[in-house]
Amino acid sequence: MSEVRLLKRIATWQRNKQGFANNITFEEQLLNDIESLLNSKQGNVLIDTYMGLPDLQSQFQSHGMPDLEALTSQIRYQITEFEPRLTQFSLTFNEDHQDISCFIWKLQGEASGKNITRDIIANIKIYSNGQIIVDPTV
């Protein structure tokens, strides 16, 4: 359990005391943390003012297309800077997906925790309302 962040370990211990089972895997925990990181609004995180993405909803509400290269760079920066468990990763935009209300990137990398190394493959979906979902792929 040492590969899980301290506050999440404390919350898990509390849930276990109350009779809730915790069956979340290392991969699921990592992807949940990446999703929380990307859903954080830049400037609102007390730890670091650069943590999180800028307001995405305003980019989708403008009349033009969002700057997808800049968005890809911002996602890559956030993961590189604030998620040290994910190393040697690639992030590619899915150009085949033609829905203007949702953009998808494929995330591939290697995740490592204490005595754990796993391959990670997931889709990062950004919806027009600014919500970000990180889904594992098989």
N, C-alpha and C. Protein backbone atom coordinates (compact mmCIF):
# COMPACT_ATOMS: atom_id res chain seq x y z
N MET A 1 0.82 -1.19 0.00
CA MET A 1 0.00 0.00 0.00
C MET A 1 0.86 1.26 0.00
N SER A 2 2.17 1.13 0.10
CA SER A 2 3.04 2.30 0.17
C SER A 2 3.09 3.08 -1.14
N GLU A 3 2.58 2.50 -2.24
CA GLU A 3 2.56 3.22 -3.51
C GLU A 3 1.38 4.19 -3.59
N VAL A 4 0.51 4.18 -2.59
CA VAL A 4 -0.65 5.07 -2.53
C VAL A 4 -0.29 6.29 -1.70
N ARG A 5 -0.78 7.44 -2.11
CA ARG A 5 -0.51 8.69 -1.41
C ARG A 5 -0.98 8.61 0.05
N LEU A 6 -0.31 9.33 0.94
CA LEU A 6 -0.55 9.26 2.37
C LEU A 6 -2.00 9.55 2.74
N LEU A 7 -2.57 10.64 2.25
CA LEU A 7 -3.94 10.98 2.61
C LEU A 7 -4.93 9.92 2.14
N LYS A 8 -4.65 9.31 1.01
CA LYS A 8 -5.53 8.25 0.52
C LYS A 8 -5.39 6.99 1.37
N ARG A 9 -4.18 6.72 1.87
CA ARG A 9 -3.99 5.59 2.78
C ARG A 9 -4.78 5.80 4.07
N ILE A 10 -4.74 7.01 4.59
CA ILE A 10 -5.49 7.32 5.81
C ILE A 10 -6.98 7.14 5.58
N ALA A 11 -7.48 7.65 4.45
CA ALA A 11 -8.90 7.49 4.12
C ALA A 11 -9.27 6.02 3.98
N THR A 12 -8.39 5.22 3.38
CA THR A 12 -8.63 3.79 3.22
C THR A 12 -8.70 3.11 4.57
N TRP A 13 -7.78 3.46 5.46
CA TRP A 13 -7.80 2.87 6.80
C TRP A 13 -9.09 3.20 7.52
N GLN A 14 -9.56 4.44 7.36
CA GLN A 14 -10.82 4.84 7.99
C GLN A 14 -11.99 4.04 7.41
N ARG A 15 -12.03 3.88 6.09
CA ARG A 15 -13.10 3.11 5.47
C ARG A 15 -13.06 1.65 5.91
N ASN A 16 -11.85 1.09 6.02
CA ASN A 16 -11.72 -0.29 6.45
C ASN A 16 -12.21 -0.48 7.88
N LYS A 17 -11.97 0.52 8.74
CA LYS A 17 -12.46 0.46 10.11
C LYS A 17 -13.98 0.46 10.14
N GLN A 18 -14.58 1.11 9.16
CA GLN A 18 -16.04 1.20 9.09
C GLN A 18 -16.64 0.03 8.33
N GLY A 19 -15.82 -0.91 7.87
CA GLY A 19 -16.33 -2.10 7.23
C GLY A 19 -16.37 -2.07 5.72
N PHE A 20 -15.83 -1.02 5.09
CA PHE A 20 -15.80 -0.95 3.63
C PHE A 20 -14.56 -1.65 3.12
N ALA A 21 -14.71 -2.43 2.07
CA ALA A 21 -13.57 -3.11 1.46
C ALA A 21 -12.92 -2.21 0.43
N ASN A 22 -11.60 -2.29 0.30
CA ASN A 22 -10.87 -1.50 -0.69
C ASN A 22 -10.18 -2.44 -1.66
N ASN A 23 -10.72 -2.54 -2.85
CA ASN A 23 -10.17 -3.44 -3.86
C ASN A 23 -9.60 -2.68 -5.04
N ILE A 24 -9.15 -1.46 -4.85
CA ILE A 24 -8.64 -0.65 -5.95
C ILE A 24 -7.19 -1.06 -6.24
N THR A 25 -6.88 -1.21 -7.52
CA THR A 25 -5.54 -1.63 -7.91
C THR A 25 -4.62 -0.42 -8.03
N PHE A 26 -3.34 -0.71 -8.14
CA PHE A 26 -2.34 0.35 -8.32
C PHE A 26 -2.63 1.16 -9.58
N GLU A 27 -2.97 0.47 -10.67
CA GLU A 27 -3.26 1.14 -11.93
C GLU A 27 -4.48 2.06 -11.81
N GLU A 28 -5.54 1.56 -11.17
CA GLU A 28 -6.75 2.37 -10.99
C GLU A 28 -6.46 3.60 -10.14
N GLN A 29 -5.67 3.42 -9.08
CA GLN A 29 -5.32 4.54 -8.21
C GLN A 29 -4.52 5.59 -8.97
N LEU A 30 -3.57 5.14 -9.77
CA LEU A 30 -2.76 6.07 -10.55
C LEU A 30 -3.61 6.85 -11.54
N LEU A 31 -4.50 6.16 -12.26
CA LEU A 31 -5.35 6.84 -13.24
C LEU A 31 -6.34 7.78 -12.55
N ASN A 32 -6.83 7.42 -11.37
CA ASN A 32 -7.69 8.32 -10.60
C ASN A 32 -6.93 9.59 -10.20
N ASP A 33 -5.67 9.42 -9.81
CA ASP A 33 -4.86 10.58 -9.43
C ASP A 33 -4.58 11.48 -10.62
N ILE A 34 -4.32 10.89 -11.79
CA ILE A 34 -4.10 11.69 -13.00
C ILE A 34 -5.38 12.43 -13.36
N GLU A 35 -6.51 11.76 -13.26
CA GLU A 35 -7.79 12.41 -13.54
C GLU A 35 -8.03 13.59 -12.59
N SER A 36 -7.75 13.40 -11.32
CA SER A 36 -7.91 14.50 -10.35
C SER A 36 -6.96 15.65 -10.66
N LEU A 37 -5.74 15.32 -11.02
CA LEU A 37 -4.75 16.34 -11.37
C LEU A 37 -5.23 17.17 -12.55
N LEU A 38 -5.68 16.50 -13.60
CA LEU A 38 -6.09 17.21 -14.82
C LEU A 38 -7.40 17.97 -14.62
N ASN A 39 -8.25 17.53 -13.72
CA ASN A 39 -9.50 18.25 -13.43
C ASN A 39 -9.29 19.43 -12.49
N SER A 40 -8.12 19.52 -11.88
CA SER A 40 -7.82 20.67 -11.02
C SER A 40 -7.64 21.91 -11.89
N LYS A 41 -8.13 23.02 -11.42
CA LYS A 41 -7.99 24.28 -12.15
C LYS A 41 -6.69 24.96 -11.74
N GLN A 42 -5.91 25.33 -12.73
CA GLN A 42 -4.63 25.98 -12.49
C GLN A 42 -4.85 27.26 -11.70
N GLY A 43 -4.04 27.45 -10.66
CA GLY A 43 -4.15 28.62 -9.81
C GLY A 43 -4.98 28.38 -8.57
N ASN A 44 -5.71 27.26 -8.52
CA ASN A 44 -6.55 26.95 -7.36
C ASN A 44 -5.94 25.93 -6.42
N VAL A 45 -4.80 25.38 -6.77
CA VAL A 45 -4.17 24.36 -5.95
C VAL A 45 -3.11 25.02 -5.08
N LEU A 46 -3.25 24.88 -3.77
CA LEU A 46 -2.36 25.58 -2.85
C LEU A 46 -0.93 25.08 -2.89
N ILE A 47 -0.72 23.83 -3.25
CA ILE A 47 0.62 23.25 -3.27
C ILE A 47 1.51 23.94 -4.30
N ASP A 48 0.95 24.18 -5.48
CA ASP A 48 1.70 24.77 -6.58
C ASP A 48 0.73 25.50 -7.50
N THR A 49 0.99 26.74 -7.80
CA THR A 49 0.07 27.52 -8.64
C THR A 49 0.02 27.04 -10.08
N TYR A 50 1.03 26.27 -10.51
CA TYR A 50 1.04 25.75 -11.88
C TYR A 50 0.40 24.37 -11.98
N MET A 51 -0.03 23.81 -10.86
CA MET A 51 -0.65 22.49 -10.86
C MET A 51 -2.08 22.61 -11.39
N GLY A 52 -2.44 21.74 -12.32
CA GLY A 52 -3.77 21.74 -12.91
C GLY A 52 -3.78 22.43 -14.26
N LEU A 53 -4.87 22.23 -14.97
CA LEU A 53 -5.03 22.83 -16.30
C LEU A 53 -5.78 24.15 -16.20
N PRO A 54 -5.56 25.05 -17.16
CA PRO A 54 -6.34 26.28 -17.19
C PRO A 54 -7.81 25.97 -17.47
N ASP A 55 -8.66 26.95 -17.35
CA ASP A 55 -10.10 26.76 -17.58
C ASP A 55 -10.34 26.27 -19.00
N LEU A 56 -10.77 25.03 -19.13
CA LEU A 56 -10.98 24.44 -20.45
C LEU A 56 -12.33 24.79 -21.03
N GLN A 57 -13.30 25.04 -20.18
CA GLN A 57 -14.64 25.32 -20.66
C GLN A 57 -14.66 26.56 -21.55
N SER A 58 -13.86 27.56 -21.20
CA SER A 58 -13.83 28.78 -22.01
C SER A 58 -13.22 28.51 -23.40
N GLN A 59 -12.28 27.57 -23.48
CA GLN A 59 -11.71 27.23 -24.78
C GLN A 59 -12.75 26.59 -25.69
N PHE A 60 -13.64 25.80 -25.12
CA PHE A 60 -14.67 25.13 -25.92
C PHE A 60 -15.81 26.07 -26.27
N GLN A 61 -16.03 27.10 -25.46
CA GLN A 61 -17.15 28.00 -25.70
C GLN A 61 -16.81 29.10 -26.68
N SER A 62 -15.55 29.25 -27.03
CA SER A 62 -15.19 30.24 -28.04
C SER A 62 -15.64 29.72 -29.41
N HIS A 63 -15.64 30.59 -30.39
CA HIS A 63 -16.15 30.21 -31.70
C HIS A 63 -15.14 29.40 -32.51
N GLY A 64 -13.88 29.42 -32.10
CA GLY A 64 -12.86 28.68 -32.83
C GLY A 64 -12.58 27.33 -32.20
N MET A 65 -11.74 26.59 -32.85
CA MET A 65 -11.31 25.28 -32.38
C MET A 65 -10.28 25.48 -31.26
N PRO A 66 -10.33 24.69 -30.19
CA PRO A 66 -9.31 24.79 -29.15
C PRO A 66 -7.92 24.48 -29.72
N ASP A 67 -6.90 25.08 -29.15
CA ASP A 67 -5.53 24.84 -29.58
C ASP A 67 -5.10 23.47 -29.04
N LEU A 68 -5.22 22.45 -29.86
CA LEU A 68 -4.97 21.08 -29.42
C LEU A 68 -3.50 20.81 -29.15
N GLU A 69 -2.61 21.47 -29.89
CA GLU A 69 -1.17 21.30 -29.61
C GLU A 69 -0.81 21.85 -28.24
N ALA A 70 -1.34 23.02 -27.92
CA ALA A 70 -1.08 23.62 -26.61
C ALA A 70 -1.70 22.77 -25.50
N LEU A 71 -2.89 22.24 -25.74
CA LEU A 71 -3.55 21.40 -24.76
C LEU A 71 -2.77 20.11 -24.53
N THR A 72 -2.24 19.53 -25.59
CA THR A 72 -1.40 18.33 -25.48
C THR A 72 -0.15 18.65 -24.65
N SER A 73 0.46 19.78 -24.91
CA SER A 73 1.65 20.19 -24.15
C SER A 73 1.33 20.40 -22.67
N GLN A 74 0.18 21.00 -22.40
CA GLN A 74 -0.21 21.23 -21.01
C GLN A 74 -0.47 19.92 -20.27
N ILE A 75 -1.13 18.98 -20.92
CA ILE A 75 -1.38 17.67 -20.30
C ILE A 75 -0.06 16.96 -20.04
N ARG A 76 0.83 16.98 -21.04
CA ARG A 76 2.14 16.34 -20.90
C ARG A 76 2.92 16.97 -19.74
N TYR A 77 2.90 18.30 -19.64
CA TYR A 77 3.61 18.99 -18.56
C TYR A 77 3.06 18.58 -17.19
N GLN A 78 1.73 18.55 -17.06
CA GLN A 78 1.12 18.20 -15.78
C GLN A 78 1.53 16.81 -15.32
N ILE A 79 1.48 15.85 -16.24
CA ILE A 79 1.84 14.47 -15.89
C ILE A 79 3.32 14.37 -15.57
N THR A 80 4.15 15.00 -16.37
CA THR A 80 5.60 14.96 -16.15
C THR A 80 5.97 15.59 -14.81
N GLU A 81 5.38 16.72 -14.53
CA GLU A 81 5.76 17.50 -13.35
C GLU A 81 5.16 16.97 -12.05
N PHE A 82 3.92 16.47 -12.10
CA PHE A 82 3.21 16.19 -10.87
C PHE A 82 2.83 14.72 -10.66
N GLU A 83 3.19 13.85 -11.56
CA GLU A 83 2.92 12.43 -11.37
C GLU A 83 4.19 11.62 -11.60
N PRO A 84 5.04 11.56 -10.57
CA PRO A 84 6.34 10.90 -10.71
C PRO A 84 6.25 9.37 -10.85
N ARG A 85 5.11 8.79 -10.53
CA ARG A 85 4.99 7.32 -10.65
C ARG A 85 4.90 6.89 -12.10
N LEU A 86 4.53 7.80 -13.00
CA LEU A 86 4.42 7.47 -14.42
C LEU A 86 5.67 7.96 -15.14
N THR A 87 6.41 7.02 -15.68
CA THR A 87 7.68 7.36 -16.35
C THR A 87 7.64 6.86 -17.79
N GLN A 88 8.46 7.45 -18.59
CA GLN A 88 8.60 7.04 -19.99
C GLN A 88 7.24 6.89 -20.66
N PHE A 89 6.45 7.95 -20.62
CA PHE A 89 5.11 7.87 -21.19
C PHE A 89 5.04 8.63 -22.51
N SER A 90 4.04 8.26 -23.30
CA SER A 90 3.75 8.99 -24.54
C SER A 90 2.29 9.41 -24.49
N LEU A 91 2.02 10.53 -25.14
CA LEU A 91 0.68 11.09 -25.19
C LEU A 91 0.40 11.45 -26.64
N THR A 92 -0.58 10.80 -27.24
CA THR A 92 -0.90 11.06 -28.64
C THR A 92 -2.37 11.41 -28.79
N PHE A 93 -2.61 12.43 -29.60
CA PHE A 93 -3.98 12.87 -29.86
C PHE A 93 -4.64 11.93 -30.84
N ASN A 94 -5.87 11.54 -30.56
CA ASN A 94 -6.63 10.64 -31.43
C ASN A 94 -7.31 11.48 -32.51
N GLU A 95 -6.71 11.56 -33.66
CA GLU A 95 -7.26 12.36 -34.76
C GLU A 95 -8.42 11.67 -35.47
N ASP A 96 -8.58 10.38 -35.25
CA ASP A 96 -9.68 9.64 -35.88
C ASP A 96 -11.02 9.94 -35.22
N HIS A 97 -10.99 10.38 -33.98
CA HIS A 97 -12.23 10.69 -33.25
C HIS A 97 -12.73 12.05 -33.73
N GLN A 98 -13.89 12.10 -34.34
CA GLN A 98 -14.38 13.31 -34.99
C GLN A 98 -15.52 14.00 -34.25
N ASP A 99 -15.58 13.89 -32.93
CA ASP A 99 -16.63 14.53 -32.15
C ASP A 99 -16.09 15.83 -31.57
N ILE A 100 -16.66 16.96 -31.97
CA ILE A 100 -16.17 18.27 -31.52
C ILE A 100 -16.45 18.50 -30.03
N SER A 101 -17.38 17.73 -29.44
CA SER A 101 -17.70 17.93 -28.03
C SER A 101 -16.80 17.12 -27.10
N CYS A 102 -15.90 16.32 -27.67
CA CYS A 102 -14.99 15.50 -26.86
C CYS A 102 -13.71 15.24 -27.65
N PHE A 103 -12.59 15.49 -27.00
CA PHE A 103 -11.29 15.19 -27.61
C PHE A 103 -10.62 14.08 -26.80
N ILE A 104 -9.90 13.20 -27.48
CA ILE A 104 -9.32 12.04 -26.83
C ILE A 104 -7.82 11.96 -27.11
N TRP A 105 -7.04 11.69 -26.06
CA TRP A 105 -5.62 11.41 -26.16
C TRP A 105 -5.38 10.02 -25.63
N LYS A 106 -4.40 9.33 -26.22
CA LYS A 106 -4.00 8.01 -25.72
C LYS A 106 -2.74 8.20 -24.89
N LEU A 107 -2.79 7.69 -23.68
CA LEU A 107 -1.67 7.75 -22.74
C LEU A 107 -1.09 6.35 -22.60
N GLN A 108 0.20 6.21 -22.87
CA GLN A 108 0.89 4.94 -22.69
C GLN A 108 2.16 5.21 -21.90
N GLY A 109 2.43 4.36 -20.94
CA GLY A 109 3.64 4.56 -20.16
C GLY A 109 3.89 3.42 -19.21
N GLU A 110 4.90 3.62 -18.41
CA GLU A 110 5.27 2.65 -17.41
C GLU A 110 5.12 3.31 -16.05
N ALA A 111 4.39 2.65 -15.18
CA ALA A 111 4.17 3.17 -13.83
C ALA A 111 4.94 2.32 -12.84
N SER A 112 5.52 2.98 -11.87
CA SER A 112 6.25 2.22 -10.87
C SER A 112 6.00 2.81 -9.49
N GLY A 113 5.81 1.91 -8.56
CA GLY A 113 5.69 2.22 -7.15
C GLY A 113 6.68 1.35 -6.42
N LYS A 114 6.53 1.25 -5.13
CA LYS A 114 7.44 0.42 -4.36
C LYS A 114 7.22 -1.05 -4.74
N ASN A 115 8.22 -1.66 -5.34
CA ASN A 115 8.20 -3.06 -5.76
C ASN A 115 7.12 -3.37 -6.80
N ILE A 116 6.62 -2.36 -7.51
CA ILE A 116 5.60 -2.57 -8.53
C ILE A 116 5.99 -1.81 -9.79
N THR A 117 5.92 -2.48 -10.93
CA THR A 117 6.08 -1.83 -12.22
C THR A 117 4.99 -2.37 -13.13
N ARG A 118 4.23 -1.46 -13.73
CA ARG A 118 3.11 -1.84 -14.58
C ARG A 118 3.09 -1.00 -15.84
N ASP A 119 2.63 -1.61 -16.93
CA ASP A 119 2.37 -0.84 -18.15
C ASP A 119 0.99 -0.21 -18.01
N ILE A 120 0.89 1.04 -18.38
CA ILE A 120 -0.36 1.78 -18.29
C ILE A 120 -0.78 2.21 -19.69
N ILE A 121 -2.02 1.92 -20.03
CA ILE A 121 -2.61 2.40 -21.28
C ILE A 121 -3.99 2.94 -20.92
N ALA A 122 -4.23 4.20 -21.29
CA ALA A 122 -5.51 4.82 -20.94
C ALA A 122 -5.87 5.87 -21.99
N ASN A 123 -7.14 6.22 -22.01
CA ASN A 123 -7.62 7.32 -22.83
C ASN A 123 -7.93 8.50 -21.92
N ILE A 124 -7.46 9.67 -22.30
CA ILE A 124 -7.81 10.90 -21.61
C ILE A 124 -8.83 11.61 -22.48
N LYS A 125 -10.04 11.77 -21.95
CA LYS A 125 -11.13 12.39 -22.70
C LYS A 125 -11.44 13.75 -22.08
N ILE A 126 -11.45 14.77 -22.92
CA ILE A 126 -11.81 16.11 -22.47
C ILE A 126 -13.10 16.50 -23.17
N TYR A 127 -14.13 16.75 -22.37
CA TYR A 127 -15.45 17.09 -22.89
C TYR A 127 -15.61 18.60 -22.97
N SER A 128 -16.58 19.03 -23.74
CA SER A 128 -16.79 20.46 -23.98
C SER A 128 -17.17 21.24 -22.72
N ASN A 129 -17.65 20.57 -21.69
CA ASN A 129 -17.96 21.26 -20.43
C ASN A 129 -16.73 21.40 -19.54
N GLY A 130 -15.56 20.94 -20.02
CA GLY A 130 -14.32 21.05 -19.28
C GLY A 130 -13.99 19.85 -18.42
N GLN A 131 -14.89 18.88 -18.34
CA GLN A 131 -14.67 17.68 -17.55
C GLN A 131 -13.67 16.76 -18.24
N ILE A 132 -12.80 16.16 -17.44
CA ILE A 132 -11.80 15.24 -17.96
C ILE A 132 -12.01 13.87 -17.33
N ILE A 133 -12.06 12.84 -18.17
CA ILE A 133 -12.20 11.46 -17.72
C ILE A 133 -10.98 10.70 -18.21
N VAL A 134 -10.38 9.91 -17.32
CA VAL A 134 -9.26 9.06 -17.70
C VAL A 134 -9.74 7.62 -17.57
N ASP A 135 -9.86 6.93 -18.73
CA ASP A 135 -10.35 5.56 -18.78
C ASP A 135 -9.23 4.61 -19.13
N PRO A 136 -9.09 3.53 -18.35
CA PRO A 136 -8.11 2.51 -18.74
C PRO A 136 -8.58 1.80 -20.00
N THR A 137 -7.66 1.42 -20.84
CA THR A 137 -7.99 0.64 -22.04
C THR A 137 -7.37 -0.74 -21.92
N VAL A 138 -7.98 -1.66 -22.59
CA VAL A 138 -7.49 -3.05 -22.51
C VAL A 138 -6.69 -3.36 -23.75
